[in-house]
Amino acid sequence: MRQALVTDRPGQTYSSLAVPKGMLQIESGLQLNIIDDGGLQYRSAILPSSLFKYGVISGLELRLEMNLIKDQVLSGNNVLTKN
């Protein structure tokens, strides 16, 4: 009997179920956070955010997670910090 993939999660989260043996599951998306704090604006972007899961044996999976993160602090139109 093959185990179904868990696809009903709204974002990339950890599941208590492992990907079935020989199967590959890819979760991908982006995240953008903007916080305005009295003249300073904080921006954080994670794109793309990808999680690759491969079932090795029953109950065991390998995971590879990749993220590109860009952070900025803005004052008016001036960038104060950038990563």
Protein backbone atom coordinates (compact mmCIF):
# COMPACT_ATOMS: atom_id res chain seq x y z
CA MET A 1 0.00 0.00 0.00
CA ARG A 2 1.44 3.40 -1.00
CA GLN A 3 1.19 6.31 1.39
CA ALA A 4 -0.36 9.51 0.00
CA LEU A 5 1.66 12.74 -0.06
CA VAL A 6 0.59 15.38 2.47
CA THR A 7 -0.36 18.37 0.30
CA ASP A 8 -2.95 20.22 2.38
CA ARG A 9 -0.55 22.44 4.36
CA PRO A 10 -0.77 26.20 3.64
CA GLY A 11 3.01 26.69 3.72
CA GLN A 12 6.30 24.91 4.11
CA THR A 13 6.04 23.14 7.43
CA TYR A 14 7.28 19.94 8.96
CA SER A 15 4.97 16.97 8.69
CA SER A 16 4.89 13.96 10.99
CA LEU A 17 4.65 11.78 7.86
CA ALA A 18 7.70 10.92 5.74
CA VAL A 19 7.60 10.92 1.94
CA PRO A 20 7.10 7.33 0.70
CA LYS A 21 10.16 5.36 -0.49
CA GLY A 22 11.29 6.36 -3.99
CA MET A 23 9.06 9.47 -4.16
CA LEU A 24 10.17 13.11 -4.47
CA GLN A 25 8.08 15.95 -3.04
CA ILE A 26 8.86 19.59 -3.86
CA GLU A 27 7.45 22.53 -1.89
CA SER A 28 8.23 25.98 -3.26
CA GLY A 29 7.05 29.51 -2.67
CA LEU A 30 7.97 33.00 -1.57
CA GLN A 31 7.58 35.06 1.56
CA LEU A 32 7.47 38.86 1.84
CA ASN A 33 7.33 40.75 5.15
CA ILE A 34 6.98 44.55 5.40
CA ILE A 35 6.88 46.31 8.78
CA ASP A 36 6.39 50.09 9.01
CA ASP A 37 7.64 51.50 12.32
CA GLY A 38 7.26 55.30 12.50
CA GLY A 39 9.36 56.37 9.52
CA LEU A 40 11.47 53.24 9.26
CA GLN A 41 10.36 50.42 7.04
CA TYR A 42 11.72 46.91 7.38
CA ARG A 43 11.50 44.63 4.36
CA SER A 44 12.39 40.96 4.23
CA ALA A 45 11.98 38.77 1.16
CA ILE A 46 12.63 35.05 0.90
CA LEU A 47 12.47 33.92 -2.72
CA PRO A 48 12.49 31.33 -3.88
CA SER A 49 11.99 29.18 -0.85
CA SER A 50 12.27 25.53 -1.86
CA LEU A 51 12.13 22.27 0.06
CA PHE A 52 12.95 18.97 -1.67
CA LYS A 53 12.07 15.73 0.15
CA TYR A 54 13.01 12.24 -1.10
CA GLY A 55 11.84 9.01 0.50
CA VAL A 56 14.83 6.73 1.17
CA ILE A 57 13.12 3.91 3.07
CA SER A 58 9.80 3.63 4.85
CA GLY A 59 9.74 6.35 7.55
CA LEU A 60 13.02 8.04 6.43
CA GLU A 61 13.45 10.94 4.00
CA LEU A 62 16.29 13.16 2.85
CA ARG A 63 15.64 16.92 2.81
CA LEU A 64 17.29 19.76 0.92
CA GLU A 65 16.15 23.29 1.72
CA MET A 66 17.21 26.34 -0.30
CA ASN A 67 16.41 29.99 0.42
CA LEU A 68 17.59 33.34 -0.91
CA ILE A 69 17.00 36.01 1.74
CA LYS A 70 17.12 39.77 1.15
CA ASP A 71 16.64 42.19 4.07
CA GLN A 72 16.37 46.00 3.89
CA VAL A 73 15.79 48.83 6.36
CA LEU A 74 14.47 52.01 4.70
CA SER A 75 14.21 55.56 6.01
CA GLY A 76 12.15 57.59 3.55
CA ASN A 77 13.65 56.61 0.16
CA ASN A 78 17.12 55.81 1.61
CA VAL A 79 18.27 52.23 2.12
CA LEU A 80 20.07 52.05 5.48
CA THR A 81 21.06 48.39 5.42
CA LYS A 82 20.95 45.73 2.76
CA ASN A 83 21.84 42.01 2.83
